[in-house]
PDB file of all heavy atoms in Angstrom:
ATOM      1  N   ARG A   1       0.830  -1.216   0.000  1.00  0.00           N
ATOM      2  CA  ARG A   1       0.000   0.000   0.000  1.00  0.00           C
ATOM      3  C   ARG A   1       0.857   1.255   0.000  1.00  0.00           C
ATOM      4  O   ARG A   1       0.522   2.249  -0.648  1.00  0.00           O
ATOM      5  CB  ARG A   1      -0.926   0.002   1.220  1.00  0.00           C
ATOM      6  CG  ARG A   1      -2.032  -1.046   1.172  1.00  0.00           C
ATOM      7  CD  ARG A   1      -3.066  -0.789   2.256  1.00  0.00           C
ATOM      8  NE  ARG A   1      -2.482  -0.888   3.596  1.00  0.00           N
ATOM      9  CZ  ARG A   1      -2.423  -1.997   4.311  1.00  0.00           C
ATOM     10  NH1 ARG A   1      -2.910  -3.144   3.805  1.00  0.00           N
ATOM     11  NH2 ARG A   1      -1.890  -2.010   5.513  1.00  0.00           N
ATOM     12  N   ALA A   2       1.964   1.212   0.723  1.00  0.00           N
ATOM     13  CA  ALA A   2       2.830   2.394   0.825  1.00  0.00           C
ATOM     14  C   ALA A   2       3.725   2.551  -0.397  1.00  0.00           C
ATOM     15  O   ALA A   2       4.270   3.635  -0.635  1.00  0.00           O
ATOM     16  CB  ALA A   2       3.684   2.302   2.086  1.00  0.00           C
ATOM     17  N   GLY A   3       3.897   1.467  -1.163  1.00  0.00           N
ATOM     18  CA  GLY A   3       4.812   1.529  -2.292  1.00  0.00           C
ATOM     19  C   GLY A   3       6.260   1.577  -1.857  1.00  0.00           C
ATOM     20  O   GLY A   3       7.150   1.919  -2.634  1.00  0.00           O
ATOM     21  N   ASP A   4       6.500   1.252  -0.608  1.00  0.00           N
ATOM     22  CA  ASP A   4       7.850   1.277  -0.030  1.00  0.00           C
ATOM     23  C   ASP A   4       7.808   0.397   1.214  1.00  0.00           C
ATOM     24  O   ASP A   4       6.779  -0.221   1.519  1.00  0.00           O
ATOM     25  CB  ASP A   4       8.254   2.706   0.317  1.00  0.00           C
ATOM     26  CG  ASP A   4       9.767   2.867   0.454  1.00  0.00           C
ATOM     27  OD1 ASP A   4      10.472   1.838   0.451  1.00  0.00           O
ATOM     28  OD2 ASP A   4      10.231   4.017   0.573  1.00  0.00           O
ATOM     29  N   ILE A   5       8.893   0.357   1.970  1.00  0.00           N
ATOM     30  CA  ILE A   5       8.896  -0.429   3.199  1.00  0.00           C
ATOM     31  C   ILE A   5       8.180   0.352   4.297  1.00  0.00           C
ATOM     32  O   ILE A   5       8.573   1.485   4.624  1.00  0.00           O
ATOM     33  CB  ILE A   5      10.324  -0.773   3.640  1.00  0.00           C
ATOM     34  CG1 ILE A   5      11.014  -1.622   2.566  1.00  0.00           C
ATOM     35  CG2 ILE A   5      10.315  -1.538   4.965  1.00  0.00           C
ATOM     36  CD1 ILE A   5      12.457  -1.923   2.862  1.00  0.00           C
ATOM     37  N   ALA A   6       7.132  -0.225   4.853  1.00  0.00           N
ATOM     38  CA  ALA A   6       6.392   0.397   5.955  1.00  0.00           C
ATOM     39  C   ALA A   6       7.089   0.028   7.262  1.00  0.00           C
ATOM     40  O   ALA A   6       6.680  -0.881   7.983  1.00  0.00           O
ATOM     41  CB  ALA A   6       4.947  -0.070   5.950  1.00  0.00           C
ATOM     42  N   PHE A   7       8.173   0.740   7.574  1.00  0.00           N
ATOM     43  CA  PHE A   7       9.005   0.366   8.721  1.00  0.00           C
ATOM     44  C   PHE A   7       8.220   0.352  10.027  1.00  0.00           C
ATOM     45  O   PHE A   7       8.478  -0.470  10.913  1.00  0.00           O
ATOM     46  CB  PHE A   7      10.203   1.319   8.832  1.00  0.00           C
ATOM     47  CG  PHE A   7      11.282   1.059   7.823  1.00  0.00           C
ATOM     48  CD1 PHE A   7      11.472   1.936   6.762  1.00  0.00           C
ATOM     49  CD2 PHE A   7      12.098  -0.053   7.924  1.00  0.00           C
ATOM     50  CE1 PHE A   7      12.472   1.711   5.826  1.00  0.00           C
ATOM     51  CE2 PHE A   7      13.100  -0.289   6.990  1.00  0.00           C
ATOM     52  CZ  PHE A   7      13.287   0.598   5.936  1.00  0.00           C
ATOM     53  N   LYS A   8       7.233   1.253  10.168  1.00  0.00           N
ATOM     54  CA  LYS A   8       6.453   1.289  11.400  1.00  0.00           C
ATOM     55  C   LYS A   8       5.691  -0.016  11.595  1.00  0.00           C
ATOM     56  O   LYS A   8       5.620  -0.559  12.700  1.00  0.00           O
ATOM     57  CB  LYS A   8       5.487   2.464  11.408  1.00  0.00           C
ATOM     58  CG  LYS A   8       4.687   2.589  12.706  1.00  0.00           C
ATOM     59  CD  LYS A   8       3.767   3.775  12.692  1.00  0.00           C
ATOM     60  CE  LYS A   8       3.050   3.923  14.032  1.00  0.00           C
ATOM     61  NZ  LYS A   8       2.313   2.699  14.411  1.00  0.00           N
ATOM     62  N   GLU A   9       5.110  -0.541  10.496  1.00  0.00           N
ATOM     63  CA  GLU A   9       4.381  -1.811  10.589  1.00  0.00           C
ATOM     64  C   GLU A   9       5.315  -2.946  11.014  1.00  0.00           C
ATOM     65  O   GLU A   9       4.958  -3.781  11.852  1.00  0.00           O
ATOM     66  CB  GLU A   9       3.738  -2.143   9.241  1.00  0.00           C
ATOM     67  CG  GLU A   9       2.659  -1.179   8.797  1.00  0.00           C
ATOM     68  CD  GLU A   9       1.386  -1.349   9.606  1.00  0.00           C
ATOM     69  OE1 GLU A   9       1.204  -2.407  10.240  1.00  0.00           O
ATOM     70  OE2 GLU A   9       0.560  -0.408   9.589  1.00  0.00           O
ATOM     71  N   TRP A  10       6.505  -2.962  10.443  1.00  0.00           N
ATOM     72  CA  TRP A  10       7.451  -4.019  10.801  1.00  0.00           C
ATOM     73  C   TRP A  10       7.932  -3.840  12.234  1.00  0.00           C
ATOM     74  O   TRP A  10       8.136  -4.820  12.963  1.00  0.00           O
ATOM     75  CB  TRP A  10       8.641  -4.028   9.837  1.00  0.00           C
ATOM     76  CG  TRP A  10       8.262  -4.494   8.468  1.00  0.00           C
ATOM     77  CD1 TRP A  10       8.126  -3.729   7.340  1.00  0.00           C
ATOM     78  CD2 TRP A  10       7.938  -5.833   8.079  1.00  0.00           C
ATOM     79  NE1 TRP A  10       7.738  -4.495   6.273  1.00  0.00           N
ATOM     80  CE2 TRP A  10       7.619  -5.810   6.699  1.00  0.00           C
ATOM     81  CE3 TRP A  10       7.877  -7.048   8.754  1.00  0.00           C
ATOM     82  CZ2 TRP A  10       7.255  -6.944   5.991  1.00  0.00           C
ATOM     83  CZ3 TRP A  10       7.515  -8.182   8.044  1.00  0.00           C
ATOM     84  CH2 TRP A  10       7.212  -8.132   6.687  1.00  0.00           C
ATOM     85  N   GLY A  11       8.106  -2.600  12.655  1.00  0.00           N
ATOM     86  CA  GLY A  11       8.493  -2.348  14.044  1.00  0.00           C
ATOM     87  C   GLY A  11       7.404  -2.769  15.017  1.00  0.00           C
ATOM     88  O   GLY A  11       7.691  -3.351  16.074  1.00  0.00           O
ATOM     89  N   ASP A  12       6.141  -2.483  14.669  1.00  0.00           N
ATOM     90  CA  ASP A  12       5.028  -2.911  15.517  1.00  0.00           C
ATOM     91  C   ASP A  12       4.938  -4.430  15.604  1.00  0.00           C
ATOM     92  O   ASP A  12       4.467  -4.975  16.608  1.00  0.00           O
ATOM     93  CB  ASP A  12       3.709  -2.347  14.974  1.00  0.00           C
ATOM     94  CG  ASP A  12       3.609  -0.838  15.123  1.00  0.00           C
ATOM     95  OD1 ASP A  12       4.402  -0.267  15.907  1.00  0.00           O
ATOM     96  OD2 ASP A  12       2.755  -0.229  14.450  1.00  0.00           O
ATOM     97  N   LEU A  13       5.393  -5.102  14.558  1.00  0.00           N
ATOM     98  CA  LEU A  13       5.420  -6.562  14.555  1.00  0.00           C
ATOM     99  C   LEU A  13       6.504  -7.105  15.477  1.00  0.00           C
ATOM    100  O   LEU A  13       6.472  -8.277  15.860  1.00  0.00           O
ATOM    101  CB  LEU A  13       5.646  -7.051  13.116  1.00  0.00           C
ATOM    102  CG  LEU A  13       5.655  -8.545  12.838  1.00  0.00           C
ATOM    103  CD1 LEU A  13       4.318  -9.183  13.223  1.00  0.00           C
ATOM    104  CD2 LEU A  13       5.952  -8.800  11.365  1.00  0.00           C
ATOM    105  N   GLY A  14       7.439  -6.234  15.851  1.00  0.00           N
ATOM    106  CA  GLY A  14       8.530  -6.647  16.738  1.00  0.00           C
ATOM    107  C   GLY A  14       9.828  -6.909  16.018  1.00  0.00           C
ATOM    108  O   GLY A  14      10.816  -7.316  16.641  1.00  0.00           O
ATOM    109  N   ALA A  15       9.852  -6.663  14.702  1.00  0.00           N
ATOM    110  CA  ALA A  15      11.068  -6.929  13.933  1.00  0.00           C
ATOM    111  C   ALA A  15      12.112  -5.854  14.201  1.00  0.00           C
ATOM    112  O   ALA A  15      11.818  -4.666  14.180  1.00  0.00           O
ATOM    113  CB  ALA A  15      10.746  -6.992  12.448  1.00  0.00           C
ATOM    114  N   GLN A  16      13.336  -6.310  14.444  1.00  0.00           N
ATOM    115  CA  GLN A  16      14.466  -5.388  14.549  1.00  0.00           C
ATOM    116  C   GLN A  16      15.233  -5.313  13.233  1.00  0.00           C
ATOM    117  O   GLN A  16      15.851  -4.291  12.930  1.00  0.00           O
ATOM    118  CB  GLN A  16      15.404  -5.839  15.670  1.00  0.00           C
ATOM    119  CG  GLN A  16      14.772  -5.781  17.060  1.00  0.00           C
ATOM    120  CD  GLN A  16      15.650  -6.463  18.089  1.00  0.00           C
ATOM    121  OE1 GLN A  16      15.834  -7.675  18.047  1.00  0.00           O
ATOM    122  NE2 GLN A  16      16.191  -5.697  19.011  1.00  0.00           N
ATOM    123  N   ALA A  17      15.227  -6.414  12.506  1.00  0.00           N
ATOM    124  CA  ALA A  17      15.861  -6.449  11.189  1.00  0.00           C
ATOM    125  C   ALA A  17      14.897  -7.121  10.221  1.00  0.00           C
ATOM    126  O   ALA A  17      14.086  -7.961  10.606  1.00  0.00           O
ATOM    127  CB  ALA A  17      17.187  -7.196  11.239  1.00  0.00           C
ATOM    128  N   LEU A  18      14.970  -6.730   8.960  1.00  0.00           N
ATOM    129  CA  LEU A  18      14.039  -7.189   7.940  1.00  0.00           C
ATOM    130  C   LEU A  18      14.820  -7.576   6.687  1.00  0.00           C
ATOM    131  O   LEU A  18      15.697  -6.835   6.237  1.00  0.00           O
ATOM    132  CB  LEU A  18      13.061  -6.060   7.600  1.00  0.00           C
ATOM    133  CG  LEU A  18      12.162  -6.230   6.371  1.00  0.00           C
ATOM    134  CD1 LEU A  18      11.168  -7.370   6.575  1.00  0.00           C
ATOM    135  CD2 LEU A  18      11.433  -4.913   6.075  1.00  0.00           C
ATOM    136  N   VAL A  19      14.497  -8.765   6.142  1.00  0.00           N
ATOM    137  CA  VAL A  19      15.069  -9.192   4.863  1.00  0.00           C
ATOM    138  C   VAL A  19      14.005  -9.031   3.787  1.00  0.00           C
ATOM    139  O   VAL A  19      12.901  -9.567   3.912  1.00  0.00           O
ATOM    140  CB  VAL A  19      15.535 -10.658   4.915  1.00  0.00           C
ATOM    141  CG1 VAL A  19      16.073 -11.086   3.542  1.00  0.00           C
ATOM    142  CG2 VAL A  19      16.601 -10.854   5.975  1.00  0.00           C
ATOM    143  N   LYS A  20      14.302  -8.282   2.760  1.00  0.00           N
ATOM    144  CA  LYS A  20      13.397  -8.105   1.624  1.00  0.00           C
ATOM    145  C   LYS A  20      14.076  -8.662   0.382  1.00  0.00           C
ATOM    146  O   LYS A  20      15.229  -8.319   0.073  1.00  0.00           O
ATOM    147  CB  LYS A  20      13.069  -6.632   1.416  1.00  0.00           C
ATOM    148  CG  LYS A  20      12.289  -6.015   2.569  1.00  0.00           C
ATOM    149  CD  LYS A  20      10.822  -6.434   2.552  1.00  0.00           C
ATOM    150  CE  LYS A  20      10.056  -5.673   1.504  1.00  0.00           C
ATOM    151  NZ  LYS A  20       8.589  -5.958   1.573  1.00  0.00           N
ATOM    152  N   GLY A  21      13.350  -9.520  -0.337  1.00  0.00           N
ATOM    153  CA  GLY A  21      13.935 -10.145  -1.503  1.00  0.00           C
ATOM    154  C   GLY A  21      13.040 -10.059  -2.713  1.00  0.00           C
ATOM    155  O   GLY A  21      11.812 -10.076  -2.604  1.00  0.00           O
ATOM    156  N   THR A  22      13.661  -9.966  -3.870  1.00  0.00           N
ATOM    157  CA  THR A  22      12.940 -10.010  -5.146  1.00  0.00           C
ATOM    158  C   THR A  22      13.634 -11.010  -6.050  1.00  0.00           C
ATOM    159  O   THR A  22      14.811 -11.345  -5.863  1.00  0.00           O
ATOM    160  CB  THR A  22      12.916  -8.634  -5.834  1.00  0.00           C
ATOM    161  OG1 THR A  22      14.268  -8.230  -6.122  1.00  0.00           O
ATOM    162  CG2 THR A  22      12.250  -7.589  -4.952  1.00  0.00           C
ATOM    163  N   TYR A  23      12.889 -11.486  -7.058  1.00  0.00           N
ATOM    164  CA  TYR A  23      13.496 -12.389  -8.019  1.00  0.00           C
ATOM    165  C   TYR A  23      12.817 -12.219  -9.370  1.00  0.00           C
ATOM    166  O   TYR A  23      11.676 -11.761  -9.477  1.00  0.00           O
ATOM    167  CB  TYR A  23      13.395 -13.853  -7.556  1.00  0.00           C
ATOM    168  CG  TYR A  23      11.993 -14.413  -7.522  1.00  0.00           C
ATOM    169  CD1 TYR A  23      11.501 -15.189  -8.576  1.00  0.00           C
ATOM    170  CD2 TYR A  23      11.152 -14.185  -6.435  1.00  0.00           C
ATOM    171  CE1 TYR A  23      10.218 -15.717  -8.548  1.00  0.00           C
ATOM    172  CE2 TYR A  23       9.870 -14.699  -6.393  1.00  0.00           C
ATOM    173  CZ  TYR A  23       9.416 -15.466  -7.456  1.00  0.00           C
ATOM    174  OH  TYR A  23       8.140 -15.991  -7.417  1.00  0.00           O
ATOM    175  N   SER A  24      13.552 -12.560 -10.401  1.00  0.00           N
ATOM    176  CA  SER A  24      13.033 -12.536 -11.764  1.00  0.00           C
ATOM    177  C   SER A  24      13.777 -13.593 -12.557  1.00  0.00           C
ATOM    178  O   SER A  24      14.766 -14.152 -12.087  1.00  0.00           O
ATOM    179  CB  SER A  24      13.229 -11.154 -12.401  1.00  0.00           C
ATOM    180  OG  SER A  24      14.609 -10.831 -12.466  1.00  0.00           O
ATOM    181  N   GLN A  25      13.290 -13.862 -13.759  1.00  0.00           N
ATOM    182  CA  GLN A  25      13.938 -14.836 -14.613  1.00  0.00           C
ATOM    183  C   GLN A  25      14.295 -14.209 -15.945  1.00  0.00           C
ATOM    184  O   GLN A  25      13.517 -13.452 -16.526  1.00  0.00           O
ATOM    185  CB  GLN A  25      13.052 -16.072 -14.816  1.00  0.00           C
ATOM    186  CG  GLN A  25      12.946 -16.933 -13.555  1.00  0.00           C
ATOM    187  CD  GLN A  25      12.195 -18.226 -13.790  1.00  0.00           C
ATOM    188  OE1 GLN A  25      11.048 -18.190 -14.215  1.00  0.00           O
ATOM    189  NE2 GLN A  25      12.834 -19.347 -13.503  1.00  0.00           N
ATOM    190  N   ASP A  26      15.502 -14.519 -16.386  1.00  0.00           N
ATOM    191  CA  ASP A  26      15.995 -14.019 -17.660  1.00  0.00           C
ATOM    192  C   ASP A  26      16.446 -15.224 -18.469  1.00  0.00           C
ATOM    193  O   ASP A  26      17.535 -15.761 -18.259  1.00  0.00           O
ATOM    194  CB  ASP A  26      17.160 -13.057 -17.427  1.00  0.00           C
ATOM    195  CG  ASP A  26      17.724 -12.495 -18.724  1.00  0.00           C
ATOM    196  OD1 ASP A  26      17.063 -12.659 -19.772  1.00  0.00           O
ATOM    197  OD2 ASP A  26      18.823 -11.910 -18.693  1.00  0.00           O
ATOM    198  N   GLY A  27      15.586 -15.683 -19.366  1.00  0.00           N
ATOM    199  CA  GLY A  27      15.872 -16.912 -20.081  1.00  0.00           C
ATOM    200  C   GLY A  27      15.901 -18.081 -19.112  1.00  0.00           C
ATOM    201  O   GLY A  27      14.963 -18.305 -18.354  1.00  0.00           O
ATOM    202  N   GLY A  28      17.006 -18.797 -19.089  1.00  0.00           N
ATOM    203  CA  GLY A  28      17.142 -19.923 -18.166  1.00  0.00           C
ATOM    204  C   GLY A  28      17.754 -19.554 -16.843  1.00  0.00           C
ATOM    205  O   GLY A  28      17.998 -20.439 -16.009  1.00  0.00           O
ATOM    206  N   ASP A  29      18.017 -18.270 -16.614  1.00  0.00           N
ATOM    207  CA  ASP A  29      18.662 -17.823 -15.386  1.00  0.00           C
ATOM    208  C   ASP A  29      17.657 -17.257 -14.393  1.00  0.00           C
ATOM    209  O   ASP A  29      16.660 -16.643 -14.784  1.00  0.00           O
ATOM    210  CB  ASP A  29      19.715 -16.752 -15.680  1.00  0.00           C
ATOM    211  CG  ASP A  29      20.987 -17.329 -16.253  1.00  0.00           C
ATOM    212  OD1 ASP A  29      21.101 -18.582 -16.293  1.00  0.00           O
ATOM    213  OD2 ASP A  29      21.861 -16.551 -16.669  1.00  0.00           O
ATOM    214  N   LEU A  30      17.964 -17.449 -13.135  1.00  0.00           N
ATOM    215  CA  LEU A  30      17.214 -16.848 -12.040  1.00  0.00           C
ATOM    216  C   LEU A  30      18.046 -15.712 -11.454  1.00  0.00           C
ATOM    217  O   LEU A  30      19.244 -15.881 -11.200  1.00  0.00           O
ATOM    218  CB  LEU A  30      16.930 -17.897 -10.963  1.00  0.00           C
ATOM    219  CG  LEU A  30      16.169 -17.447  -9.715  1.00  0.00           C
ATOM    220  CD1 LEU A  30      14.733 -17.052 -10.076  1.00  0.00           C
ATOM    221  CD2 LEU A  30      16.169 -18.551  -8.658  1.00  0.00           C
ATOM    222  N   ILE A  31      17.430 -14.558 -11.276  1.00  0.00           N
ATOM    223  CA  ILE A  31      18.112 -13.392 -10.702  1.00  0.00           C
ATOM    224  C   ILE A  31      17.431 -13.044  -9.391  1.00  0.00           C
ATOM    225  O   ILE A  31      16.215 -12.847  -9.343  1.00  0.00           O
ATOM    226  CB  ILE A  31      18.055 -12.184 -11.655  1.00  0.00           C
ATOM    227  CG1 ILE A  31      18.688 -12.553 -13.005  1.00  0.00           C
ATOM    228  CG2 ILE A  31      18.760 -10.983 -11.039  1.00  0.00           C
ATOM    229  CD1 ILE A  31      18.464 -11.514 -14.077  1.00  0.00           C
ATOM    230  N   VAL A  32      18.208 -12.992  -8.321  1.00  0.00           N
ATOM    231  CA  VAL A  32      17.668 -12.759  -6.981  1.00  0.00           C
ATOM    232  C   VAL A  32      18.390 -11.585  -6.340  1.00  0.00           C
ATOM    233  O   VAL A  32      19.620 -11.480  -6.427  1.00  0.00           O
ATOM    234  CB  VAL A  32      17.831 -14.019  -6.100  1.00  0.00           C
ATOM    235  CG1 VAL A  32      17.341 -13.739  -4.676  1.00  0.00           C
ATOM    236  CG2 VAL A  32      17.072 -15.194  -6.695  1.00  0.00           C
ATOM    237  N   GLU A  33      17.616 -10.698  -5.716  1.00  0.00           N
ATOM    238  CA  GLU A  33      18.189  -9.626  -4.910  1.00  0.00           C
ATOM    239  C   GLU A  33      17.746  -9.827  -3.465  1.00  0.00           C
ATOM    240  O   GLU A  33      16.567 -10.066  -3.198  1.00  0.00           O
ATOM    241  CB  GLU A  33      17.746  -8.250  -5.417  1.00  0.00           C
ATOM    242  CG  GLU A  33      18.317  -7.906  -6.785  1.00  0.00           C
ATOM    243  CD  GLU A  33      17.946  -6.503  -7.231  1.00  0.00           C
ATOM    244  OE1 GLU A  33      17.233  -5.810  -6.461  1.00  0.00           O
ATOM    245  OE2 GLU A  33      18.366  -6.108  -8.338  1.00  0.00           O
ATOM    246  N   CYS A  34      18.693  -9.707  -2.566  1.00  0.00           N
ATOM    247  CA  CYS A  34      18.446  -9.940  -1.142  1.00  0.00           C
ATOM    248  C   CYS A  34      18.998  -8.752  -0.365  1.00  0.00           C
ATOM    249  O   CYS A  34      20.196  -8.460  -0.446  1.00  0.00           O
ATOM    250  CB  CYS A  34      19.136 -11.240  -0.724  1.00  0.00           C
ATOM    251  SG  CYS A  34      18.838 -11.748   0.972  1.00  0.00           S
ATOM    252  N   ARG A  35      18.119  -8.044   0.345  1.00  0.00           N
ATOM    253  CA  ARG A  35      18.529  -6.857   1.094  1.00  0.00           C
ATOM    254  C   ARG A  35      18.115  -6.991   2.553  1.00  0.00           C
ATOM    255  O   ARG A  35      17.047  -7.518   2.855  1.00  0.00           O
ATOM    256  CB  ARG A  35      17.891  -5.598   0.501  1.00  0.00           C
ATOM    257  CG  ARG A  35      18.147  -5.417  -0.980  1.00  0.00           C
ATOM    258  CD  ARG A  35      17.597  -4.100  -1.467  1.00  0.00           C
ATOM    259  NE  ARG A  35      17.703  -3.965  -2.921  1.00  0.00           N
ATOM    260  CZ  ARG A  35      17.532  -2.831  -3.584  1.00  0.00           C
ATOM    261  NH1 ARG A  35      17.234  -1.727  -2.927  1.00  0.00           N
ATOM    262  NH2 ARG A  35      17.655  -2.805  -4.893  1.00  0.00           N
ATOM    263  N   VAL A  36      18.960  -6.476   3.434  1.00  0.00           N
ATOM    264  CA  VAL A  36      18.696  -6.523   4.876  1.00  0.00           C
ATOM    265  C   VAL A  36      18.594  -5.090   5.396  1.00  0.00           C
ATOM    266  O   VAL A  36      19.449  -4.246   5.079  1.00  0.00           O
ATOM    267  CB  VAL A  36      19.816  -7.275   5.620  1.00  0.00           C
ATOM    268  CG1 VAL A  36      19.462  -7.411   7.103  1.00  0.00           C
ATOM    269  CG2 VAL A  36      20.049  -8.644   5.002  1.00  0.00           C
ATOM    270  N   PHE A  37      17.542  -4.833   6.215  1.00  0.00           N
ATOM    271  CA  PHE A  37      17.276  -3.487   6.712  1.00  0.00           C
ATOM    272  C   PHE A  37      17.256  -3.456   8.235  1.00  0.00           C
ATOM    273  O   PHE A  37      16.801  -4.403   8.883  1.00  0.00           O
ATOM    274  CB  PHE A  37      15.922  -2.986   6.191  1.00  0.00           C
ATOM    275  CG  PHE A  37      15.871  -2.795   4.705  1.00  0.00           C
ATOM    276  CD1 PHE A  37      15.558  -3.854   3.865  1.00  0.00           C
ATOM    277  CD2 PHE A  37      16.146  -1.557   4.142  1.00  0.00           C
ATOM    278  CE1 PHE A  37      15.508  -3.687   2.485  1.00  0.00           C
ATOM    279  CE2 PHE A  37      16.092  -1.375   2.763  1.00  0.00           C
ATOM    280  CZ  PHE A  37      15.781  -2.444   1.928  1.00  0.00           C
ATOM    281  N   ASP A  38      17.748  -2.355   8.773  1.00  0.00           N
ATOM    282  CA  ASP A  38      17.586  -2.032  10.187  1.00  0.00           C
ATOM    283  C   ASP A  38      16.238  -1.326  10.312  1.00  0.00           C
ATOM    284  O   ASP A  38      16.036  -0.241   9.773  1.00  0.00           O
ATOM    285  CB  ASP A  38      18.737  -1.133  10.631  1.00  0.00           C
ATOM    286  CG  ASP A  38      18.495  -0.482  11.987  1.00  0.00           C
ATOM    287  OD1 ASP A  38      17.626  -0.962  12.735  1.00  0.00           O
ATOM    288  OD2 ASP A  38      19.195   0.501  12.288  1.00  0.00           O
ATOM    289  N   VAL A  39      15.279  -1.952  10.997  1.00  0.00           N
ATOM    290  CA  VAL A  39      13.916  -1.435  11.051  1.00  0.00           C
ATOM    291  C   VAL A  39      13.851  -0.115  11.810  1.00  0.00           C
ATOM    292  O   VAL A  39      13.244   0.857  11.346  1.00  0.00           O
ATOM    293  CB  VAL A  39      12.963  -2.478  11.672  1.00  0.00           C
ATOM    294  CG1 VAL A  39      11.571  -1.889  11.881  1.00  0.00           C
ATOM    295  CG2 VAL A  39      12.883  -3.713  10.768  1.00  0.00           C
ATOM    296  N   ALA A  40      14.454  -0.055  12.980  1.00  0.00           N
ATOM    297  CA  ALA A  40      14.388   1.173  13.782  1.00  0.00           C
ATOM    298  C   ALA A  40      15.073   2.340  13.073  1.00  0.00           C
ATOM    299  O   ALA A  40      14.576   3.471  13.065  1.00  0.00           O
ATOM    300  CB  ALA A  40      15.015   0.944  15.145  1.00  0.00           C
ATOM    301  N   GLY A  41      16.226   2.071  12.449  1.00  0.00           N
ATOM    302  CA  GLY A  41      16.956   3.126  11.761  1.00  0.00           C
ATOM    303  C   GLY A  41      16.433   3.400  10.371  1.00  0.00           C
ATOM    304  O   GLY A  41      16.840   4.381   9.747  1.00  0.00           O
TER     305      GLY A  41
END
């Protein structure tokens, strides 16, 4: 809904750190992005 990371929602959930990942396919290859966030900061 926010179109971005809703850090307040994750903080209310009790998360201190958050992993956000995306993936796509390019032909026979899989492309993955993995990011780690400090929720409070």
